[in-house]
Structures are given as structure tokens and as C-alpha cells.
Amino acid sequence: MGRMRWESRWFVPKILGVVIALLAIVSLAILPANAAMLKKGGTMVVVLGGDVPNINPAITSDILQMLVSGQVYNTLVRLDSKGNPQPNLAKSWEITDDGKKYTFHLQKGVKWHDGKPFTSADVVHGLLQVNRKYSGHAVTLLKSVTSMEAPDPHTVIFNLKFAYPPMIRALGMHVSSTIIPKHIYEGTDPRKNPFNFKPIGTGPFKFKEYKKGSHITLVRNPDYFKKGKPVLDRIIFQIIPNKSARVLALEKGEADFIPYMAMPFSEVKRLAENPDIIVQNAERPAAGLFVGFINTRNPPFNKKEVRQAIYYGMDRDAIVKKAVFGYGKVSVGPISSLQKPFYTSAGKQYPHDPAKAKQLLDAAGYPPKAGGMRFQMRISYNKTQNALENAAQLMKAQLAKVGIDVKIEPLDGAAWRDTAFIKWNFDMTLGSFSSGPDPAIGTERLYVCRNIQRLFARNVSGYCNPKLDKIFDEASKELVHSKRQVLYSEAAKILSEDLPVLWVWDRYYPFAHKKTLIGLPADPTQFQGMEDVGFVK
């Protein structure tokens, strides 16, 4: 059997930034980071909007913790600015011609932060026993893997029952493929392991402390396997719930970086006009959408006509304009328009049409009662997400006009995940979820029957359609891209008719940092280790 071999030098990321002006994206070239430009050492202060649920991406895809854990842990491969895999914990690999066997050759001399040696056994245990069981992305990514072998401490073999095109790129994503230590997690319930809050990784920075409501401190890993890295001595993640205070901290020099998940959309234009600050857009093939999951288990939401009426009753153009100040695009289906290789506009569309919404609700058996309302709908969301408060308030006003009495339920991150994804106690719950970097990983997980589980980032709507499952399954195995596009268009048609999820807008990812800070990761995930980040001399 023939093999395709991959071996490459370490990739030094470049940042190609873009300033987002109101309703437009303007390109701005940013100097690439290189050793001659950087001061050695220093502390970078990164702003977070709230506390993290844990620091272990193998058990949750929470974006706040992902940014932190991406500095502590590594993946087998690392993605460059175009989404191409580069060496990381794996220095090289081969893939058989039939795509059913991957052989990874691991870096030698890598140590966990507690001094224990990193080996192939960590890869096998972490991916199969933790990621595949508890990560919403990995459960889909690793479905094709029948077994993993560790023939020696520095070799890992993946055996697949069918070729799976997204595999190699997805192994560079912390959200699906973080390598965690076997000696820490074996024999424990990984969701309750105390090291979720004092993580031990192989990454460029080591965990020092986490003070809830205040900060998380990471310090340089002096034994990092990439010589001369990281550049910084310390990263402090400062927890600042108040949106205005986050921006003020950057303007006053008390913070260095506001990542996209903490950026108030209302302040993007103002920050872009500051000569000491650079505003960029993270162009992420992970391609997030803000969506509303509908709990299809309970009436009246178990009727697709009711779900369609809700969608017609929403003015999504107004939501994008007012909730995120134009930094987004009205969604047309389950795959973001920013995910260009797979984007499809196929399927039924739902422009704002209150008359149509009322007609559908009447026909479904929900006429107006005394006072004009037909039924109540609870909308919950994670209040650390900047845009969702505004979006929920707008939905409340819009849906009241068609007779739906919306009760808004803002929740802390942990309470939101528990209430919606574990207890299924919601009518509609709002959140941001990716449709990429490949629909087989980002999109499929939210709709297939097997993922109706009480775990985060699974099929929380409770929607099950065997015909749709078959299409997703075929698309994940298909090697010809054009045929995959056709299959995902068919999936979009089914979902746009049944509407277990309302796709509100495709999100943009503005972030801001000091002009003197360079080397931020240009990878598609934005979560990779900031080993090349530093301040100019």
C-alpha cells in the first residue's frame, strides 16, 4: 500500500489583519513576527469576559477556556494561516493511499509540566477515552477510528474503518484533539478530575493560579520542546465582566489584547481609530454562527409550523444591525457563509414576515388568547456572550408582535450549559457554534440522532431524522469535494424545512491589541499556543 508522507519545518505565523469599519471589512497589512523584532520576556494581559468552566478542552468546547487551555496543551499537528497541518507534537506522519491508516511519529524529549515523559500512550488514552467520549467535536471526528496503536513510545497508528477527509486538519484543533496526560486522567471521571482547574500540559505555558472572578496566570514553560519558545514570561487572563471596562483597560495600557470572544461590538469602530491599537478580524474557517436551538421535545415547539412561524417573526436584519452593529451577516442555513468551500444557500428561506408567522400559528392551533398572546417562550443564553443580551431583547419585541410572549433567561456560563445541555430545560437557547472547519465536524454533531446526549455541544434540540443522518454519514466519507457539496446542500434543504435550529447570523470575529504586540496566532482556530507572541523592541 502506498503512503503519503508529510514532514515540514516549524511554521512561524504571520498576521494579516483587517480593520472592520462599520458594516465593512478593510484590509490592513501587519508586520510579521520574527525574533529580531521581539523583546525576550515580558507579561501579556489578555481580557476575558467571565470565568471559565474548567481548563480542559477535551471535555468542553467553551471558547473562554479554549483560549486559556490552548497555551497549556498541545495537539498532534498545528494549523497554519491557511488551515494546512504543520508539525507539533507529531514531527511527521504518513497516510496510506486509501486514507484508512495514519502513522504519526512523535517528537522525542517532550515532557509534561510535572516532568513526566510524554508518550504515544498519552495520545491513545486522551483521544479515545476522553475526547471521543466528552468532546462534542471529537465524537464526530473520531467516529471513523476503529483502533489506535502505540507500538513504541514515539509512534501512534490510527486505524480507520473508512477514509475520513477532515481527519488531519481536525487533529490540529484544540476543540476536538487536545492531548491530555494519561497518568493524570486514567481511572478518573475526567469531568470531575481536580486537574481540570490546575492543568498539566506539554504546551508553551504552565499553569500557576486561577482566582475566580479575578484572573488566571500562566508562566513560561522552560522545558518546552520548541527551542527558544515561548517569547513571553507570563500571560495573565484578566476577568472583566463589564464591557466598557474591558475596552478602557486596553486604552489605558492595563491590558494588551481583547480576543474576539470578549470584544464589545459597539466599541470596534472606536478602537480602530486609536493609533496605538490594532483591530483585526479573525478569519476562522471554523465559521461560527449565532443560533437558537429549539427544544423540539415539548409543545408547541414540537410542531415545525410553530418553529417556522418563530423564524418568520424574527427580523434578523435588525438583529445584525442593532445587536452586533453590523459585524455579522444574516444566516441562510446551517453552514456559515464564511465557510466558503462548503457554504450553500440551498433550502427554504425565512425573511421577516409577521403576517406569515401569524397565519402559521393560527393553522397550527395557537390562536391569540386574551391579551393577544398565544403562548410563552423562554429564551436562555450565556450572558458572557456580548451580543446575546441585545439579540434576546430584540427577539422579545419582535415576537410579541406575532403573539409570542418571550421570557428572557440570562445565565452564567456554567448555569447555561447545565440548564440547556444537561437538563434540557429550555424552549429556545441561544449560543455561538461553529459549522467548520468541515461540516462533518462542526455541523453534523448538532443534528444527528446519535448525538442526542446530555453533553455540551451535542444535539440539544432532540431532533432526529434518519434520512438526514444517512446524508451526513455519506458526506463525511465522500472523497470527491463536489459530491460532498451536493450532499450538504441536501442536508440544508431538510434542516431548513424542519428547523430544529434557527440560524440567526454568521458571526465575524473582531479583536484588538496593542500595536506593540506582535506574533498573535494566525491559525484558523485562534486557540493555538501563543509561543511566538511578544512585544517589539
Protein backbone atom coordinates (compact mmCIF):
# COMPACT_ATOMS: atom_id res chain seq x y z
CA MET A 1 0.00 0.00 0.00
CA GLY A 2 1.41 3.40 -0.94
CA ARG A 3 1.91 6.18 1.57
CA MET A 4 1.79 9.95 1.57
CA ARG A 5 4.49 11.43 3.78
CA TRP A 6 4.44 14.83 5.47
CA GLU A 7 7.42 16.48 7.09
CA SER A 8 7.93 20.20 7.49
CA ARG A 9 9.89 22.87 9.30
CA TRP A 10 8.24 24.69 12.16
CA PHE A 11 5.80 27.28 10.94
CA VAL A 12 6.31 30.87 12.15
CA PRO A 13 2.88 32.54 11.85
CA LYS A 14 2.23 35.80 10.09
CA ILE A 15 -0.67 38.02 10.92
CA LEU A 16 -2.60 39.56 8.09
CA GLY A 17 -5.01 41.84 9.85
CA VAL A 18 -8.14 43.60 8.77
CA VAL A 19 -9.78 46.55 10.43
CA ILE A 20 -13.54 46.27 10.49
CA ALA A 21 -15.26 49.56 9.85
CA LEU A 22 -18.98 49.74 10.37
CA LEU A 23 -20.60 47.23 8.00
CA ALA A 24 -17.35 46.75 6.07
CA ILE A 25 -14.03 44.96 6.34
CA VAL A 26 -10.93 46.89 5.31
CA SER A 27 -7.59 45.13 4.82
CA LEU A 28 -4.56 46.28 6.77
CA ALA A 29 -1.16 44.61 6.47
CA ILE A 30 0.50 43.81 9.79
CA LEU A 31 4.22 43.20 10.20
CA PRO A 32 5.17 39.53 10.62
CA ALA A 33 6.65 38.46 13.91
CA ASN A 34 10.32 37.45 13.91
CA ALA A 35 12.95 37.01 16.57
CA ALA A 36 14.84 40.19 15.65
CA MET A 37 11.81 42.36 16.34
CA LEU A 38 10.84 40.85 19.70
CA LYS A 39 11.86 41.63 23.24
CA LYS A 40 12.58 38.50 25.20
CA GLY A 41 10.25 38.07 28.16
CA GLY A 42 7.50 40.29 29.43
CA THR A 43 3.89 39.84 30.52
CA MET A 44 0.85 39.94 28.27
CA VAL A 45 -2.52 40.75 29.80
CA VAL A 46 -5.47 39.21 27.95
CA VAL A 47 -9.06 40.22 28.73
CA LEU A 48 -11.78 37.62 29.35
CA GLY A 49 -15.46 38.44 29.82
CA GLY A 50 -16.09 35.89 32.58
CA ASP A 51 -14.91 32.83 34.45
CA VAL A 52 -14.11 29.57 32.68
CA PRO A 53 -15.99 26.31 33.44
CA ASN A 54 -12.66 24.46 33.58
CA ILE A 55 -9.34 24.40 31.72
CA ASN A 56 -9.71 21.18 29.75
CA PRO A 57 -10.82 21.35 26.10
CA ALA A 58 -11.15 17.57 25.97
CA ILE A 59 -14.40 17.79 27.94
CA THR A 60 -15.92 21.12 26.87
CA SER A 61 -15.80 23.44 23.86
CA ASP A 62 -16.33 26.62 25.87
CA ILE A 63 -14.48 29.35 23.98
CA LEU A 64 -13.21 31.20 27.05
CA GLN A 65 -11.40 28.17 28.43
CA MET A 66 -10.22 27.22 24.93
CA LEU A 67 -8.10 30.35 24.70
CA VAL A 68 -6.51 29.56 28.07
CA SER A 69 -6.05 25.82 27.57
CA GLY A 70 -4.55 26.38 24.12
CA GLN A 71 -1.50 27.78 25.90
CA VAL A 72 -1.19 24.85 28.30
CA TYR A 73 -1.84 21.91 25.98
CA ASN A 74 -0.75 20.83 22.50
CA THR A 75 -2.28 18.93 19.61
CA LEU A 76 -0.57 16.45 17.29
CA VAL A 77 -0.47 18.95 14.44
CA ARG A 78 -0.75 22.71 14.26
CA LEU A 79 -2.63 24.64 11.58
CA ASP A 80 -1.05 27.45 9.61
CA SER A 81 -2.85 30.60 8.47
CA LYS A 82 -4.42 28.71 5.54
CA GLY A 83 -5.58 25.80 7.68
CA ASN A 84 -2.85 23.45 6.48
CA PRO A 85 -1.42 20.98 9.04
CA GLN A 86 2.12 21.55 10.30
CA PRO A 87 4.15 19.51 12.82
CA ASN A 88 3.52 19.95 16.53
CA LEU A 89 3.65 17.01 18.95
CA ALA A 90 3.91 14.90 15.82
CA LYS A 91 7.06 15.74 13.86
CA SER A 92 5.93 13.84 10.76
CA TRP A 93 3.25 11.43 9.57
CA GLU A 94 2.18 9.13 6.76
CA ILE A 95 -1.30 8.43 5.43
CA THR A 96 -1.97 5.36 3.31
CA ASP A 97 -3.40 5.89 -0.16
CA ASP A 98 -6.80 4.53 0.87
CA GLY A 99 -6.95 7.01 3.75
CA LYS A 100 -7.55 4.31 6.35
CA LYS A 101 -4.25 4.33 8.22
CA TYR A 102 -2.40 7.27 9.76
CA THR A 103 1.06 6.79 11.30
CA PHE A 104 2.36 9.65 13.46
CA HIS A 105 6.00 9.96 14.55
CA LEU A 106 6.15 11.93 17.80
CA GLN A 107 8.67 14.46 18.99
CA LYS A 108 11.24 13.00 21.38
CA GLY A 109 12.15 14.52 24.73
CA VAL A 110 8.77 16.16 25.31
CA LYS A 111 7.77 16.43 28.97
CA TRP A 112 4.52 17.13 30.76
CA HIS A 113 4.65 20.15 33.03
CA ASP A 114 5.10 17.86 36.05
CA GLY A 115 8.23 16.36 34.50
CA LYS A 116 6.72 13.06 33.35
CA PRO A 117 7.62 12.00 29.79
CA PHE A 118 5.06 12.45 27.04
CA THR A 119 4.49 9.23 25.07
CA SER A 120 2.21 7.65 22.48
CA ALA A 121 0.14 6.17 25.33
CA ASP A 122 -1.00 9.70 26.21
CA VAL A 123 -2.27 10.23 22.67
CA VAL A 124 -4.23 6.99 22.58
CA HIS A 125 -5.80 7.41 26.01
CA GLY A 126 -6.57 11.11 25.67
CA LEU A 127 -8.20 10.91 22.26
CA LEU A 128 -10.15 7.67 22.70
CA GLN A 129 -11.04 7.71 26.41
CA VAL A 130 -11.64 11.42 26.96
CA ASN A 131 -12.00 13.47 23.78
CA ARG A 132 -14.16 10.96 21.92
CA LYS A 133 -16.44 10.47 24.91
CA TYR A 134 -16.89 14.05 26.08
CA SER A 135 -15.98 16.49 23.29
CA GLY A 136 -18.86 17.46 21.01
CA HIS A 137 -16.45 17.80 18.08
CA ALA A 138 -14.33 14.69 18.77
CA VAL A 139 -17.33 12.38 18.99
CA THR A 140 -17.86 13.08 15.30
CA LEU A 141 -14.22 13.40 14.28
CA LEU A 142 -13.16 10.06 15.79
CA LYS A 143 -16.23 8.05 14.78
CA SER A 144 -14.25 6.54 11.91
CA VAL A 145 -11.42 5.31 14.15
CA THR A 146 -11.66 1.59 14.94
CA SER A 147 -8.46 1.47 16.98
CA MET A 148 -5.26 3.28 17.86
CA GLU A 149 -1.94 1.56 18.37
CA ALA A 150 1.16 2.66 20.25
CA PRO A 151 3.86 0.23 19.02
CA ASP A 152 6.58 2.27 20.74
CA PRO A 153 6.67 5.43 22.90
CA HIS A 154 7.09 7.71 19.87
CA THR A 155 4.72 6.18 17.31
CA VAL A 156 0.92 6.30 17.10
CA ILE A 157 -1.14 4.50 14.47
CA PHE A 158 -4.78 5.37 13.71
CA ASN A 159 -6.81 2.64 12.04
CA LEU A 160 -9.99 3.86 10.31
CA LYS A 161 -12.93 1.84 9.05
CA PHE A 162 -13.40 4.33 6.22
CA ALA A 163 -11.49 7.26 4.78
CA TYR A 164 -12.34 10.47 6.60
CA PRO A 165 -11.24 13.63 4.72
CA PRO A 166 -11.42 16.09 7.66
CA MET A 167 -9.19 13.99 9.93
CA ILE A 168 -5.74 15.52 9.55
CA ARG A 169 -6.85 19.16 9.80
CA ALA A 170 -9.16 18.47 12.72
CA LEU A 171 -6.26 16.95 14.66
CA GLY A 172 -4.90 20.50 14.84
CA MET A 173 -7.95 21.80 16.69
CA HIS A 174 -7.93 22.02 20.49
CA VAL A 175 -11.71 21.74 20.48
CA SER A 176 -11.52 18.16 19.22
CA SER A 177 -7.99 16.85 19.60
CA THR A 178 -6.22 18.14 22.69
CA ILE A 179 -3.66 15.68 24.07
CA ILE A 180 -4.01 15.34 27.85
CA PRO A 181 -1.85 13.29 30.28
CA LYS A 182 -2.82 9.66 30.78
CA HIS A 183 -1.16 9.49 34.20
CA ILE A 184 -3.44 12.31 35.42
CA TYR A 185 -6.76 11.21 33.89
CA GLU A 186 -6.66 7.42 33.70
CA GLY A 187 -9.07 5.78 36.12
CA THR A 188 -10.95 9.02 36.86
CA ASP A 189 -14.12 10.68 35.67
CA PRO A 190 -12.45 13.36 33.51
CA ARG A 191 -15.37 15.73 34.07
CA LYS A 192 -14.67 15.76 37.81
CA ASN A 193 -10.88 15.49 37.84
CA PRO A 194 -9.38 18.27 40.01
CA PHE A 195 -6.67 18.88 37.42
CA ASN A 196 -9.30 20.46 35.20
CA PHE A 197 -8.62 23.58 37.28
CA LYS A 198 -4.84 23.14 37.64
CA PRO A 199 -3.95 21.67 34.24
CA ILE A 200 -0.74 19.86 33.37
CA GLY A 201 0.09 20.00 29.69
CA THR A 202 3.02 19.98 27.26
CA GLY A 203 2.35 23.49 25.96
CA PRO A 204 4.45 26.67 25.95
CA PHE A 205 2.98 27.95 29.23
CA LYS A 206 2.45 26.31 32.61
CA PHE A 207 -0.50 26.91 34.88
CA LYS A 208 0.25 28.96 38.01
CA GLU A 209 -3.08 30.06 39.53
CA TYR A 210 -6.75 30.69 38.95
CA LYS A 211 -8.62 33.13 41.16
CA LYS A 212 -12.27 33.09 40.15
CA GLY A 213 -13.69 36.47 39.26
CA SER A 214 -10.19 37.90 39.03
CA HIS A 215 -7.54 36.24 36.86
CA ILE A 216 -5.75 33.18 35.53
CA THR A 217 -1.95 33.26 35.45
CA LEU A 218 0.26 31.15 33.20
CA VAL A 219 4.07 31.22 33.23
CA ARG A 220 6.71 30.29 30.67
CA ASN A 221 7.50 26.59 30.31
CA PRO A 222 11.33 26.49 30.45
CA ASP A 223 11.34 22.89 29.18
CA TYR A 224 9.17 23.50 26.11
CA PHE A 225 10.21 21.20 23.30
CA LYS A 226 10.46 24.00 20.74
CA LYS A 227 13.81 25.60 21.43
CA GLY A 228 13.74 29.30 22.29
CA LYS A 229 9.99 29.43 22.77
CA PRO A 230 7.80 30.89 24.12
CA VAL A 231 8.92 34.51 23.96
CA LEU A 232 6.82 35.83 26.86
CA ASP A 233 7.49 35.11 30.54
CA ARG A 234 3.87 35.26 31.58
CA ILE A 235 0.29 35.53 30.36
CA ILE A 236 -2.40 36.90 32.67
CA PHE A 237 -6.03 36.39 31.67
CA GLN A 238 -7.84 39.23 33.41
CA ILE A 239 -11.54 38.58 34.03
CA ILE A 240 -13.53 41.77 33.35
CA PRO A 241 -17.30 41.20 33.00
CA ASN A 242 -18.06 44.86 32.25
CA LYS A 243 -17.77 45.55 28.52
CA SER A 244 -16.75 49.20 28.84
CA ALA A 245 -14.13 48.34 31.44
CA ARG A 246 -12.50 45.84 29.06
CA VAL A 247 -12.08 48.48 26.38
CA LEU A 248 -10.87 51.07 28.87
CA ALA A 249 -8.24 48.62 30.15
CA LEU A 250 -6.79 48.32 26.64
CA GLU A 251 -6.92 52.07 26.02
CA LYS A 252 -5.18 52.81 29.33
CA GLY A 253 -2.47 50.23 28.74
CA GLU A 254 -3.63 47.95 31.54
CA ALA A 255 -4.40 45.18 29.03
CA ASP A 256 -2.69 44.16 25.81
CA PHE A 257 -5.22 42.01 23.97
CA ILE A 258 -9.01 41.74 23.74
CA PRO A 259 -9.79 38.44 21.97
CA TYR A 260 -12.87 38.18 19.80
CA MET A 261 -14.98 36.42 22.44
CA ALA A 262 -14.54 39.41 24.76
CA MET A 263 -14.83 42.20 22.19
CA PRO A 264 -17.85 44.53 22.57
CA PHE A 265 -19.11 45.07 19.03
CA SER A 266 -20.19 48.58 19.91
CA GLU A 267 -16.56 49.59 20.51
CA VAL A 268 -14.87 48.13 17.43
CA LYS A 269 -15.01 51.29 15.32
CA ARG A 270 -13.79 53.46 18.20
CA LEU A 271 -10.81 51.20 18.91
CA ALA A 272 -9.91 51.01 15.22
CA GLU A 273 -9.48 54.79 15.23
CA ASN A 274 -6.91 54.65 18.05
CA PRO A 275 -3.36 54.93 16.57
CA ASP A 276 -1.89 52.82 19.39
CA ILE A 277 -4.31 49.93 18.88
CA ILE A 278 -4.77 47.49 16.02
CA VAL A 279 -8.21 45.99 15.32
CA GLN A 280 -8.32 42.84 13.24
CA ASN A 281 -10.78 40.21 12.14
CA ALA A 282 -10.04 36.56 12.87
CA GLU A 283 -10.99 34.86 9.62
CA ARG A 284 -11.84 31.47 11.06
CA PRO A 285 -12.73 28.50 8.82
CA ALA A 286 -14.31 27.15 12.00
CA ALA A 287 -17.05 29.56 10.88
CA GLY A 288 -19.28 30.32 13.84
CA LEU A 289 -22.98 31.07 13.71
CA PHE A 290 -25.19 32.53 16.42
CA VAL A 291 -28.12 30.14 16.58
CA GLY A 292 -31.26 29.44 18.54
CA PHE A 293 -31.74 25.78 19.45
CA ILE A 294 -35.42 24.88 19.73
CA ASN A 295 -36.44 22.19 22.23
CA THR A 296 -38.48 20.03 19.86
CA ARG A 297 -39.50 17.63 22.64
CA ASN A 298 -42.24 19.83 24.06
CA PRO A 299 -45.36 21.52 22.64
CA PRO A 300 -45.85 23.86 20.95
CA PHE A 301 -42.26 23.68 19.72
CA ASN A 302 -42.59 20.07 18.57
CA LYS A 303 -44.54 21.37 15.54
CA LYS A 304 -42.37 22.52 12.67
CA GLU A 305 -45.03 25.08 11.69
CA VAL A 306 -44.55 26.79 15.04
CA ARG A 307 -40.79 26.81 14.58
CA GLN A 308 -41.22 28.25 11.10
CA ALA A 309 -43.54 30.92 12.47
CA ILE A 310 -40.95 31.94 15.05
CA TYR A 311 -38.36 32.28 12.29
CA TYR A 312 -40.70 34.40 10.13
CA GLY A 313 -41.43 36.55 13.18
CA MET A 314 -37.76 37.40 13.71
CA ASP A 315 -36.27 40.41 11.94
CA ARG A 316 -32.72 39.14 11.62
CA ASP A 317 -31.56 42.13 9.56
CA ALA A 318 -32.46 44.35 12.51
CA ILE A 319 -30.76 41.95 14.93
CA VAL A 320 -27.48 42.05 12.99
CA LYS A 321 -27.66 45.83 12.68
CA LYS A 322 -28.54 46.55 16.31
CA ALA A 323 -27.18 43.64 18.34
CA VAL A 324 -23.75 43.38 16.70
CA PHE A 325 -23.58 46.78 14.97
CA GLY A 326 -23.34 45.14 11.55
CA TYR A 327 -20.41 42.84 12.40
CA GLY A 328 -22.08 39.75 11.04
CA LYS A 329 -24.25 38.50 8.20
CA VAL A 330 -27.79 37.13 8.29
CA SER A 331 -27.56 33.33 8.09
CA VAL A 332 -29.23 31.38 5.31
CA GLY A 333 -28.68 27.87 6.64
CA PRO A 334 -26.66 25.53 8.86
CA ILE A 335 -23.31 26.24 7.16
CA SER A 336 -21.81 29.70 7.58
CA SER A 337 -21.23 31.85 4.50
CA LEU A 338 -17.67 32.30 5.79
CA GLN A 339 -17.04 28.58 5.36
CA LYS A 340 -16.50 29.08 1.65
CA PRO A 341 -15.63 25.53 0.50
CA PHE A 342 -18.95 24.17 1.80
CA TYR A 343 -21.29 27.14 2.00
CA THR A 344 -24.70 26.54 0.47
CA SER A 345 -27.79 28.71 0.21
CA ALA A 346 -29.94 25.69 -0.67
CA GLY A 347 -33.12 25.34 1.31
CA LYS A 348 -36.15 27.33 2.37
CA GLN A 349 -35.56 30.93 3.42
CA TYR A 350 -37.39 32.90 6.10
CA PRO A 351 -37.45 36.67 5.53
CA HIS A 352 -39.16 38.77 8.17
CA ASP A 353 -42.89 38.23 7.57
CA PRO A 354 -45.12 38.76 10.64
CA ALA A 355 -48.29 38.08 8.63
CA LYS A 356 -46.97 34.70 7.53
CA ALA A 357 -45.95 33.93 11.14
CA LYS A 358 -49.46 34.67 12.40
CA GLN A 359 -51.01 32.57 9.66
CA LEU A 360 -48.85 29.56 10.54
CA LEU A 361 -49.58 29.89 14.26
CA ASP A 362 -53.32 30.08 13.64
CA ALA A 363 -53.19 26.99 11.41
CA ALA A 364 -51.09 25.12 14.00
CA GLY A 365 -53.83 25.60 16.60
CA TYR A 366 -52.41 28.51 18.59
CA PRO A 367 -54.75 31.49 18.12
CA PRO A 368 -54.32 34.63 20.24
CA LYS A 369 -55.71 34.46 23.77
CA ALA A 370 -56.99 37.31 25.94
CA GLY A 371 -54.32 39.97 25.85
CA GLY A 372 -53.18 38.97 22.37
CA MET A 373 -50.56 36.39 23.32
CA ARG A 374 -50.67 32.79 22.07
CA PHE A 375 -48.08 31.09 24.33
CA GLN A 376 -44.91 31.83 26.28
CA MET A 377 -41.41 31.00 25.09
CA ARG A 378 -38.34 31.07 27.33
CA ILE A 379 -35.10 32.19 25.67
CA SER A 380 -31.94 31.39 27.63
CA TYR A 381 -28.34 32.28 26.80
CA ASN A 382 -24.84 32.62 28.22
CA LYS A 383 -24.65 36.21 29.37
CA THR A 384 -20.86 36.34 28.90
CA GLN A 385 -21.53 36.35 25.13
CA ASN A 386 -21.56 40.03 24.27
CA ALA A 387 -24.23 40.11 21.59
CA LEU A 388 -26.84 37.79 23.06
CA GLU A 389 -28.44 40.19 25.54
CA ASN A 390 -29.20 42.65 22.76
CA ALA A 391 -30.35 39.88 20.43
CA ALA A 392 -32.69 38.40 23.04
CA GLN A 393 -34.25 41.78 23.80
CA LEU A 394 -34.85 42.39 20.09
CA MET A 395 -36.39 38.92 19.66
CA LYS A 396 -38.69 39.59 22.61
CA ALA A 397 -40.04 42.76 20.99
CA GLN A 398 -40.29 41.24 17.51
CA LEU A 399 -42.06 38.04 18.57
CA ALA A 400 -44.51 39.91 20.79
CA LYS A 401 -45.92 41.37 17.57
CA VAL A 402 -46.96 37.89 16.39
CA GLY A 403 -48.35 36.87 19.79
CA ILE A 404 -45.40 35.04 21.37
CA ASP A 405 -44.66 36.12 24.93
CA VAL A 406 -40.88 35.82 25.34
CA LYS A 407 -39.34 35.41 28.78
CA ILE A 408 -35.61 36.15 28.75
CA GLU A 409 -33.34 33.97 30.92
CA PRO A 410 -29.72 35.23 31.03
CA LEU A 411 -27.45 32.73 32.80
CA ASP A 412 -23.84 32.45 33.88
CA GLY A 413 -21.83 30.20 31.56
CA ALA A 414 -21.87 27.14 33.81
CA ALA A 415 -25.58 27.50 34.62
CA TRP A 416 -26.43 27.94 30.94
CA ARG A 417 -24.57 24.79 29.92
CA ASP A 418 -26.13 22.80 32.75
CA THR A 419 -29.68 24.08 32.25
CA ALA A 420 -29.77 23.74 28.46
CA PHE A 421 -27.40 20.94 27.54
CA ILE A 422 -27.60 18.68 30.60
CA LYS A 423 -31.14 19.24 31.90
CA TRP A 424 -32.73 20.20 28.55
CA ASN A 425 -34.71 22.84 30.45
CA PHE A 426 -35.35 25.48 27.77
CA ASP A 427 -37.66 26.45 24.94
CA MET A 428 -35.03 28.24 22.88
CA THR A 429 -31.40 28.63 23.88
CA LEU A 430 -29.01 30.97 22.10
CA GLY A 431 -25.32 30.40 21.52
CA SER A 432 -22.44 30.52 19.08
CA PHE A 433 -21.43 27.24 17.47
CA SER A 434 -19.10 26.52 14.55
CA SER A 435 -20.13 24.88 11.31
CA GLY A 436 -16.49 24.09 10.42
CA PRO A 437 -13.69 23.71 9.75
CA ASP A 438 -15.51 20.93 7.93
CA PRO A 439 -19.27 20.27 8.18
CA ALA A 440 -18.50 16.66 9.10
CA ILE A 441 -17.04 18.00 12.35
CA GLY A 442 -18.80 21.28 13.11
CA THR A 443 -22.25 20.93 11.54
CA GLU A 444 -23.17 17.25 11.73
CA ARG A 445 -22.72 16.99 15.52
CA LEU A 446 -25.64 19.34 16.20
CA TYR A 447 -28.29 17.42 14.24
CA VAL A 448 -27.65 13.65 14.13
CA CYS A 449 -29.72 11.22 16.21
CA ARG A 450 -26.77 9.58 17.96
CA ASN A 451 -25.78 12.94 19.48
CA ILE A 452 -28.99 13.41 21.47
CA GLN A 453 -26.99 13.23 24.68
CA ARG A 454 -26.86 15.27 27.87
CA LEU A 455 -23.48 16.73 26.97
CA PHE A 456 -22.40 20.16 25.80
CA ALA A 457 -22.34 20.96 22.07
CA ARG A 458 -24.40 17.95 21.07
CA ASN A 459 -27.89 17.68 19.55
CA VAL A 460 -29.67 19.59 22.31
CA SER A 461 -32.80 20.17 20.20
CA GLY A 462 -33.69 16.47 20.38
CA TYR A 463 -34.32 16.40 16.62
CA CYS A 464 -33.88 13.03 14.92
CA ASN A 465 -34.22 12.31 11.21
CA PRO A 466 -32.67 9.03 9.93
CA LYS A 467 -32.71 10.32 6.35
CA LEU A 468 -30.62 13.31 7.39
CA ASP A 469 -28.25 11.07 9.36
CA LYS A 470 -27.64 8.99 6.25
CA ILE A 471 -26.79 12.08 4.20
CA PHE A 472 -24.36 13.36 6.83
CA ASP A 473 -22.76 9.92 7.04
CA GLU A 474 -22.28 9.72 3.27
CA ALA A 475 -20.87 13.26 3.14
CA SER A 476 -18.30 12.55 5.86
CA LYS A 477 -16.92 9.57 3.90
CA GLU A 478 -17.03 11.03 0.39
CA LEU A 479 -13.59 11.89 -1.02
CA VAL A 480 -14.78 13.95 -4.02
CA HIS A 481 -15.40 17.52 -2.86
CA SER A 482 -18.09 18.34 -5.43
CA LYS A 483 -20.12 15.34 -4.31
CA ARG A 484 -19.77 16.38 -0.69
CA GLN A 485 -21.11 19.83 -1.59
CA VAL A 486 -24.19 18.26 -3.15
CA LEU A 487 -24.82 16.14 -0.07
CA TYR A 488 -24.51 19.09 2.31
CA SER A 489 -26.93 21.05 0.14
CA GLU A 490 -29.43 18.20 0.53
CA ALA A 491 -28.91 18.28 4.30
CA ALA A 492 -29.51 22.04 4.32
CA LYS A 493 -32.81 21.58 2.46
CA ILE A 494 -34.08 19.10 5.05
CA LEU A 495 -32.98 21.19 8.01
CA SER A 496 -34.41 24.43 6.59
CA GLU A 497 -37.80 22.75 6.32
CA ASP A 498 -37.79 21.11 9.76
CA LEU A 499 -35.95 23.92 11.62
CA PRO A 500 -34.76 22.30 14.85
CA VAL A 501 -32.34 25.23 14.97
CA LEU A 502 -32.85 28.83 13.91
CA TRP A 503 -29.68 30.24 12.33
CA VAL A 504 -29.62 33.92 13.23
CA TRP A 505 -26.35 35.35 11.91
CA ASP A 506 -22.92 34.28 10.69
CA ARG A 507 -20.50 35.84 13.10
CA TYR A 508 -17.47 37.98 12.42
CA TYR A 509 -14.54 37.89 14.85
CA PRO A 510 -13.13 41.35 15.57
CA PHE A 511 -10.36 41.54 18.16
CA ALA A 512 -7.96 44.26 19.28
CA HIS A 513 -4.45 44.52 20.67
CA LYS A 514 -1.68 46.99 21.38
CA LYS A 515 0.30 48.00 18.32
CA THR A 516 3.48 46.87 20.06
CA LEU A 517 2.18 43.32 20.48
CA ILE A 518 3.02 41.05 17.55
CA GLY A 519 3.07 37.37 16.66
CA LEU A 520 -0.52 36.50 17.61
CA PRO A 521 -1.52 33.14 16.09
CA ALA A 522 -2.90 33.42 12.57
CA ASP A 523 -4.30 29.90 12.60
CA PRO A 524 -7.96 29.27 11.78
CA THR A 525 -8.89 28.34 15.35
CA GLN A 526 -7.36 31.32 17.23
CA PHE A 527 -6.75 28.94 20.15
CA GLN A 528 -3.24 27.69 19.41
CA GLY A 529 -0.32 28.37 21.71
CA MET A 530 0.94 31.95 21.72
CA GLU A 531 4.54 30.78 21.64
CA ASP A 532 5.63 33.43 19.08
CA VAL A 533 3.84 36.35 20.74
CA GLY A 534 5.90 39.16 22.17
CA PHE A 535 6.42 42.91 22.30
CA VAL A 536 8.51 44.85 19.78
CA LYS A 537 11.87 46.17 20.91
